[in-house]
C-alpha atoms as a PDB file:
ATOM      1  CA  UNK A   1      86.699   5.358 -46.352  1.00  0.00           C
ATOM      2  CA  UNK A   2      85.784   7.382 -49.447  1.00  0.00           C
ATOM      3  CA  UNK A   3      87.014  10.690 -50.836  1.00  0.00           C
ATOM      4  CA  UNK A   4      83.787  12.100 -52.185  1.00  0.00           C
ATOM      5  CA  UNK A   5      83.993  15.571 -50.611  1.00  0.00           C
ATOM      6  CA  UNK A   6      83.772  18.325 -53.216  1.00  0.00           C
ATOM      7  CA  UNK A   7      86.842  20.020 -51.724  1.00  0.00           C
ATOM      8  CA  UNK A   8      88.994  16.978 -52.368  1.00  0.00           C
ATOM      9  CA  UNK A   9      91.627  17.339 -55.077  1.00  0.00           C
ATOM     10  CA  UNK A  10      91.243  15.003 -58.110  1.00  0.00           C
ATOM     11  CA  UNK A  11      94.717  13.615 -57.405  1.00  0.00           C
ATOM     12  CA  UNK A  12      93.276  11.984 -54.293  1.00  0.00           C
ATOM     13  CA  UNK A  13      92.112   9.225 -56.628  1.00  0.00           C
ATOM     14  CA  UNK A  14      95.781   8.372 -57.204  1.00  0.00           C
ATOM     15  CA  UNK A  15      96.403   8.324 -53.450  1.00  0.00           C
ATOM     16  CA  UNK A  16      93.507   5.930 -52.938  1.00  0.00           C
ATOM     17  CA  UNK A  17      95.078   3.518 -55.443  1.00  0.00           C
ATOM     18  CA  UNK A  18      98.178   3.440 -53.222  1.00  0.00           C
ATOM     19  CA  UNK A  19      96.252   2.713 -50.022  1.00  0.00           C
ATOM     20  CA  UNK A  20      97.313  -0.339 -48.048  1.00  0.00           C
ATOM     21  CA  UNK A  21      95.368  -2.563 -45.709  1.00  0.00           C
ATOM     22  CA  UNK A  22      96.787  -2.270 -42.223  1.00  0.00           C
ATOM     23  CA  UNK A  23      96.605  -4.756 -39.382  1.00  0.00           C
ATOM     24  CA  UNK A  24      95.665  -2.537 -36.451  1.00  0.00           C
ATOM     25  CA  UNK A  25      94.830  -5.105 -33.765  1.00  0.00           C
ATOM     26  CA  UNK A  26      98.191  -4.369 -32.138  1.00  0.00           C
ATOM     27  CA  UNK A  27      97.182  -0.725 -31.680  1.00  0.00           C
ATOM     28  CA  UNK A  28      93.821  -1.595 -30.176  1.00  0.00           C
ATOM     29  CA  UNK A  29      95.338  -4.263 -27.935  1.00  0.00           C
ATOM     30  CA  UNK A  30      97.868  -1.743 -26.618  1.00  0.00           C
ATOM     31  CA  UNK A  31      94.963   0.103 -24.936  1.00  0.00           C
ATOM     32  CA  UNK A  32      96.413   3.514 -25.690  1.00  0.00           C
ATOM     33  CA  UNK A  33      94.668   6.522 -24.232  1.00  0.00           C
ATOM     34  CA  UNK A  34      93.179   8.383 -27.220  1.00  0.00           C
ATOM     35  CA  UNK A  35      92.538  12.061 -26.469  1.00  0.00           C
ATOM     36  CA  UNK A  36      90.719  14.305 -28.955  1.00  0.00           C
ATOM     37  CA  UNK A  37      91.090  18.070 -28.488  1.00  0.00           C
ATOM     38  CA  UNK A  38      88.484  19.995 -30.488  1.00  0.00           C
ATOM     39  CA  UNK A  39      87.231  23.572 -30.664  1.00  0.00           C
ATOM     40  CA  UNK A  40      86.780  26.618 -32.870  1.00  0.00           C
ATOM     41  CA  UNK A  41      90.017  28.427 -31.972  1.00  0.00           C
ATOM     42  CA  UNK A  42      92.660  26.286 -33.657  1.00  0.00           C
ATOM     43  CA  UNK A  43      95.561  28.170 -32.094  1.00  0.00           C
ATOM     44  CA  UNK A  44      94.378  27.649 -28.529  1.00  0.00           C
ATOM     45  CA  UNK A  45      93.265  24.057 -29.040  1.00  0.00           C
ATOM     46  CA  UNK A  46      96.626  23.215 -30.611  1.00  0.00           C
ATOM     47  CA  UNK A  47      98.439  24.820 -27.677  1.00  0.00           C
ATOM     48  CA  UNK A  48      96.359  22.756 -25.259  1.00  0.00           C
ATOM     49  CA  UNK A  49      96.989  19.567 -27.237  1.00  0.00           C
ATOM     50  CA  UNK A  50     100.734  20.274 -27.266  1.00  0.00           C
ATOM     51  CA  UNK A  51     100.748  20.870 -23.504  1.00  0.00           C
ATOM     52  CA  UNK A  52      98.889  17.624 -22.824  1.00  0.00           C
ATOM     53  CA  UNK A  53     101.268  15.725 -25.102  1.00  0.00           C
ATOM     54  CA  UNK A  54     104.322  17.150 -23.343  1.00  0.00           C
ATOM     55  CA  UNK A  55     103.010  16.747 -19.794  1.00  0.00           C
ATOM     56  CA  UNK A  56     101.781  13.173 -20.281  1.00  0.00           C
ATOM     57  CA  UNK A  57     104.483  12.082 -22.711  1.00  0.00           C
ATOM     58  CA  UNK A  58     101.829  11.197 -25.293  1.00  0.00           C
ATOM     59  CA  UNK A  59     102.282  11.225 -29.044  1.00  0.00           C
ATOM     60  CA  UNK A  60     100.813  14.353 -30.654  1.00  0.00           C
ATOM     61  CA  UNK A  61      99.094  13.761 -33.990  1.00  0.00           C
ATOM     62  CA  UNK A  62      97.882  16.618 -36.163  1.00  0.00           C
ATOM     63  CA  UNK A  63      97.193  16.623 -39.867  1.00  0.00           C
ATOM     64  CA  UNK A  64      99.953  19.199 -40.412  1.00  0.00           C
ATOM     65  CA  UNK A  65     102.540  17.046 -38.631  1.00  0.00           C
ATOM     66  CA  UNK A  66     101.476  13.958 -40.575  1.00  0.00           C
ATOM     67  CA  UNK A  67     101.701  15.734 -43.923  1.00  0.00           C
ATOM     68  CA  UNK A  68     105.059  17.343 -43.095  1.00  0.00           C
ATOM     69  CA  UNK A  69     106.444  13.925 -42.224  1.00  0.00           C
ATOM     70  CA  UNK A  70     105.018  12.426 -45.403  1.00  0.00           C
ATOM     71  CA  UNK A  71     106.453  15.147 -47.642  1.00  0.00           C
ATOM     72  CA  UNK A  72     109.884  14.644 -46.087  1.00  0.00           C
ATOM     73  CA  UNK A  73     109.910  11.106 -47.489  1.00  0.00           C
ATOM     74  CA  UNK A  74     110.770  10.246 -51.076  1.00  0.00           C
ATOM     75  CA  UNK A  75     107.884   8.116 -52.282  1.00  0.00           C
ATOM     76  CA  UNK A  76     105.243   8.153 -54.979  1.00  0.00           C
ATOM     77  CA  UNK A  77     102.644   8.949 -52.335  1.00  0.00           C
ATOM     78  CA  UNK A  78     104.607  11.884 -50.931  1.00  0.00           C
ATOM     79  CA  UNK A  79     104.959  13.354 -54.418  1.00  0.00           C
ATOM     80  CA  UNK A  80     101.180  13.253 -54.927  1.00  0.00           C
ATOM     81  CA  UNK A  81     100.541  14.723 -51.470  1.00  0.00           C
ATOM     82  CA  UNK A  82     102.929  17.575 -52.254  1.00  0.00           C
ATOM     83  CA  UNK A  83     101.164  18.263 -55.559  1.00  0.00           C
ATOM     84  CA  UNK A  84      97.745  18.389 -53.876  1.00  0.00           C
ATOM     85  CA  UNK A  85      98.947  20.744 -51.149  1.00  0.00           C
ATOM     86  CA  UNK A  86     100.731  22.983 -53.668  1.00  0.00           C
ATOM     87  CA  UNK A  87      97.341  23.343 -55.380  1.00  0.00           C
ATOM     88  CA  UNK A  88      95.746  24.277 -52.007  1.00  0.00           C
ATOM     89  CA  UNK A  89      93.810  21.022 -52.122  1.00  0.00           C
ATOM     90  CA  UNK A  90      92.527  18.874 -49.260  1.00  0.00           C
ATOM     91  CA  UNK A  91      93.948  15.418 -48.634  1.00  0.00           C
ATOM     92  CA  UNK A  92      91.328  12.677 -48.550  1.00  0.00           C
ATOM     93  CA  UNK A  93      90.434  11.855 -44.906  1.00  0.00           C
ATOM     94  CA  UNK A  94      90.920   8.149 -45.545  1.00  0.00           C
ATOM     95  CA  UNK A  95      94.507   8.773 -46.646  1.00  0.00           C
ATOM     96  CA  UNK A  96      95.100  10.917 -43.552  1.00  0.00           C
ATOM     97  CA  UNK A  97      94.001   7.962 -41.421  1.00  0.00           C
ATOM     98  CA  UNK A  98      96.527   5.748 -43.218  1.00  0.00           C
ATOM     99  CA  UNK A  99      99.204   8.195 -42.084  1.00  0.00           C
ATOM    100  CA  UNK A 100      97.815   8.077 -38.536  1.00  0.00           C
ATOM    101  CA  UNK A 101      98.065   4.285 -38.424  1.00  0.00           C
ATOM    102  CA  UNK A 102     101.580   4.240 -39.878  1.00  0.00           C
ATOM    103  CA  UNK A 103     102.798   6.856 -37.392  1.00  0.00           C
ATOM    104  CA  UNK A 104     101.367   5.053 -34.366  1.00  0.00           C
ATOM    105  CA  UNK A 105     102.674   1.652 -35.479  1.00  0.00           C
ATOM    106  CA  UNK A 106     106.186   3.090 -35.852  1.00  0.00           C
ATOM    107  CA  UNK A 107     106.253   4.128 -32.178  1.00  0.00           C
ATOM    108  CA  UNK A 108     103.763   1.703 -30.655  1.00  0.00           C
ATOM    109  CA  UNK A 109     106.229   0.186 -28.190  1.00  0.00           C
ATOM    110  CA  UNK A 110     107.250   3.637 -26.942  1.00  0.00           C
ATOM    111  CA  UNK A 111     103.927   5.381 -26.299  1.00  0.00           C
ATOM    112  CA  UNK A 112     101.083   5.068 -23.811  1.00  0.00           C
ATOM    113  CA  UNK A 113      98.715   7.593 -25.346  1.00  0.00           C
ATOM    114  CA  UNK A 114      97.926   9.766 -28.355  1.00  0.00           C
ATOM    115  CA  UNK A 115      96.600  13.327 -28.499  1.00  0.00           C
ATOM    116  CA  UNK A 116      94.687  14.123 -31.700  1.00  0.00           C
ATOM    117  CA  UNK A 117      94.212  17.704 -32.882  1.00  0.00           C
ATOM    118  CA  UNK A 118      92.302  18.490 -36.087  1.00  0.00           C
ATOM    119  CA  UNK A 119      91.571  14.792 -36.515  1.00  0.00           C
ATOM    120  CA  UNK A 120      88.862  13.598 -36.865  1.00  0.00           C
ATOM    121  CA  UNK A 121      87.329  16.179 -39.196  1.00  0.00           C
ATOM    122  CA  UNK A 122      83.808  14.780 -39.150  1.00  0.00           C
ATOM    123  CA  UNK A 123      81.619  11.926 -37.939  1.00  0.00           C
ATOM    124  CA  UNK A 124      82.596   9.533 -40.729  1.00  0.00           C
ATOM    125  CA  UNK A 125      86.302  10.008 -40.082  1.00  0.00           C
ATOM    126  CA  UNK A 126      85.692   9.745 -36.318  1.00  0.00           C
ATOM    127  CA  UNK A 127      84.001   6.365 -36.678  1.00  0.00           C
ATOM    128  CA  UNK A 128      86.713   5.066 -38.978  1.00  0.00           C
ATOM    129  CA  UNK A 129      89.491   6.353 -36.709  1.00  0.00           C
ATOM    130  CA  UNK A 130      88.012   4.490 -33.749  1.00  0.00           C
ATOM    131  CA  UNK A 131      87.711   1.297 -35.775  1.00  0.00           C
ATOM    132  CA  UNK A 132      91.417   1.559 -36.561  1.00  0.00           C
ATOM    133  CA  UNK A 133      92.983   2.629 -33.257  1.00  0.00           C
ATOM    134  CA  UNK A 134      90.301   2.139 -30.623  1.00  0.00           C
ATOM    135  CA  UNK A 135      87.625   4.281 -29.034  1.00  0.00           C
ATOM    136  CA  UNK A 136      88.268   7.855 -27.962  1.00  0.00           C
ATOM    137  CA  UNK A 137      89.120   7.803 -24.255  1.00  0.00           C
ATOM    138  CA  UNK A 138      88.326  11.488 -23.753  1.00  0.00           C
ATOM    139  CA  UNK A 139      87.013  14.294 -25.970  1.00  0.00           C
ATOM    140  CA  UNK A 140      88.099  17.728 -24.719  1.00  0.00           C
ATOM    141  CA  UNK A 141      85.821  20.352 -26.259  1.00  0.00           C
ATOM    142  CA  UNK A 142      87.068  23.944 -25.991  1.00  0.00           C
ATOM    143  CA  UNK A 143      83.707  25.645 -26.368  1.00  0.00           C
ATOM    144  CA  UNK A 144      83.157  28.999 -28.068  1.00  0.00           C
ATOM    145  CA  UNK A 145      79.770  30.605 -28.530  1.00  0.00           C
ATOM    146  CA  UNK A 146      78.124  33.194 -30.753  1.00  0.00           C
ATOM    147  CA  UNK A 147      80.403  35.852 -32.209  1.00  0.00           C
ATOM    148  CA  UNK A 148      83.540  34.291 -30.699  1.00  0.00           C
ATOM    149  CA  UNK A 149      82.914  31.082 -32.635  1.00  0.00           C
ATOM    150  CA  UNK A 150      82.089  32.930 -35.844  1.00  0.00           C
ATOM    151  CA  UNK A 151      85.287  34.990 -35.641  1.00  0.00           C
ATOM    152  CA  UNK A 152      87.421  31.933 -34.878  1.00  0.00           C
ATOM    153  CA  UNK A 153      86.147  30.116 -37.970  1.00  0.00           C
ATOM    154  CA  UNK A 154      86.278  33.087 -40.356  1.00  0.00           C
ATOM    155  CA  UNK A 155      89.090  33.505 -42.859  1.00  0.00           C
ATOM    156  CA  UNK A 156      89.843  36.900 -44.364  1.00  0.00           C
ATOM    157  CA  UNK A 157      87.608  37.888 -47.276  1.00  0.00           C
ATOM    158  CA  UNK A 158      85.050  35.110 -46.871  1.00  0.00           C
ATOM    159  CA  UNK A 159      81.456  35.672 -47.893  1.00  0.00           C
ATOM    160  CA  UNK A 160      78.771  35.624 -45.156  1.00  0.00           C
ATOM    161  CA  UNK A 161      77.198  32.517 -46.707  1.00  0.00           C
ATOM    162  CA  UNK A 162      80.543  30.683 -46.529  1.00  0.00           C
ATOM    163  CA  UNK A 163      81.035  31.703 -42.907  1.00  0.00           C
ATOM    164  CA  UNK A 164      77.547  30.517 -41.990  1.00  0.00           C
ATOM    165  CA  UNK A 165      78.169  27.195 -43.716  1.00  0.00           C
ATOM    166  CA  UNK A 166      81.437  26.714 -41.800  1.00  0.00           C
ATOM    167  CA  UNK A 167      79.804  27.533 -38.465  1.00  0.00           C
ATOM    168  CA  UNK A 168      76.881  25.201 -39.179  1.00  0.00           C
ATOM    169  CA  UNK A 169      79.227  22.378 -40.192  1.00  0.00           C
ATOM    170  CA  UNK A 170      81.388  22.891 -37.107  1.00  0.00           C
ATOM    171  CA  UNK A 171      78.411  22.913 -34.762  1.00  0.00           C
ATOM    172  CA  UNK A 172      77.017  19.768 -36.367  1.00  0.00           C
ATOM    173  CA  UNK A 173      80.347  17.970 -35.996  1.00  0.00           C
ATOM    174  CA  UNK A 174      80.750  19.062 -32.376  1.00  0.00           C
ATOM    175  CA  UNK A 175      77.226  17.910 -31.574  1.00  0.00           C
ATOM    176  CA  UNK A 176      78.111  14.468 -32.899  1.00  0.00           C
ATOM    177  CA  UNK A 177      81.447  14.316 -31.047  1.00  0.00           C
ATOM    178  CA  UNK A 178      79.966  15.608 -27.787  1.00  0.00           C
ATOM    179  CA  UNK A 179      77.620  12.618 -27.644  1.00  0.00           C
ATOM    180  CA  UNK A 180      80.664  10.544 -26.740  1.00  0.00           C
ATOM    181  CA  UNK A 181      80.294   9.044 -23.278  1.00  0.00           C
ATOM    182  CA  UNK A 182      83.417  10.815 -21.994  1.00  0.00           C
ATOM    183  CA  UNK A 183      83.363  14.448 -23.081  1.00  0.00           C
ATOM    184  CA  UNK A 184      84.917  17.283 -21.104  1.00  0.00           C
ATOM    185  CA  UNK A 185      83.673  20.748 -22.054  1.00  0.00           C
ATOM    186  CA  UNK A 186      85.960  23.646 -21.128  1.00  0.00           C
ATOM    187  CA  UNK A 187      85.826  27.404 -21.729  1.00  0.00           C
ATOM    188  CA  UNK A 188      87.444  27.987 -25.116  1.00  0.00           C
ATOM    189  CA  UNK A 189      87.895  31.689 -24.338  1.00  0.00           C
ATOM    190  CA  UNK A 190      90.445  30.885 -21.629  1.00  0.00           C
ATOM    191  CA  UNK A 191      94.186  30.581 -22.062  1.00  0.00           C
ATOM    192  CA  UNK A 192      95.275  26.927 -22.305  1.00  0.00           C
ATOM    193  CA  UNK A 193      97.409  27.463 -19.182  1.00  0.00           C
ATOM    194  CA  UNK A 194      94.184  27.989 -17.248  1.00  0.00           C
ATOM    195  CA  UNK A 195      92.721  24.735 -18.572  1.00  0.00           C
ATOM    196  CA  UNK A 196      95.619  22.313 -18.452  1.00  0.00           C
ATOM    197  CA  UNK A 197      95.386  21.329 -14.772  1.00  0.00           C
ATOM    198  CA  UNK A 198      91.739  20.239 -14.987  1.00  0.00           C
ATOM    199  CA  UNK A 199      92.394  18.454 -18.285  1.00  0.00           C
ATOM    200  CA  UNK A 200      95.336  16.517 -16.852  1.00  0.00           C
ATOM    201  CA  UNK A 201      93.281  15.528 -13.823  1.00  0.00           C
ATOM    202  CA  UNK A 202      90.598  14.097 -16.106  1.00  0.00           C
ATOM    203  CA  UNK A 203      93.190  12.310 -18.228  1.00  0.00           C
ATOM    204  CA  UNK A 204      94.731  10.669 -15.157  1.00  0.00           C
ATOM    205  CA  UNK A 205      91.251   9.412 -14.240  1.00  0.00           C
ATOM    206  CA  UNK A 206      91.003   7.812 -17.671  1.00  0.00           C
ATOM    207  CA  UNK A 207      94.495   6.315 -17.340  1.00  0.00           C
ATOM    208  CA  UNK A 208      93.566   4.759 -14.017  1.00  0.00           C
ATOM    209  CA  UNK A 209      90.392   3.352 -15.552  1.00  0.00           C
ATOM    210  CA  UNK A 210      92.401   1.647 -18.295  1.00  0.00           C
ATOM    211  CA  UNK A 211      94.827   0.169 -15.758  1.00  0.00           C
ATOM    212  CA  UNK A 212      91.931  -1.316 -13.792  1.00  0.00           C
ATOM    213  CA  UNK A 213      90.186  -2.796 -16.842  1.00  0.00           C
ATOM    214  CA  UNK A 214      90.764  -6.492 -17.612  1.00  0.00           C
END
């Protein structure tokens, strides 16, 4: 998976040189439940993802958690990651997926599911993620509309053209993700506490489906 995005830091080229080839058949054969929680309000979607992880005893994977874990190590890769983040750069999505695979493999015998938040970023990363760890079992989309979505995606001081570009990109990504055969759309305006019961019910349905599959 490439690192051609204009927002990527030039040091990502050094990270790519350190990439390894992982054997991920063990992950796919484990038939983990892969839950993606997406939506415009990052605070609420993260809260929902954390609640699902805790209630179901699933591993929670976010880009922030992956990068914190990486920077706590003492490796050449962690040093480069730290430099990129200190420069407010963006880590190449392919490198992020390496961290995903490593994290899951470390705990593979202890987990029955994974909750992803903030990953995948886009369609390309989504396709690559599924090739590595298996298909998404359920996409939970916390939907916001109109002004609510615009406000959720806006950072202080941003130009209108930048805001529009972010909204357009988000809507395009969500449209691609929502084509997944198992998508659950919930009201992103609601408190996660109001959503968790329905989400857990849907997740249990997916768990039961996996148990019944050959």
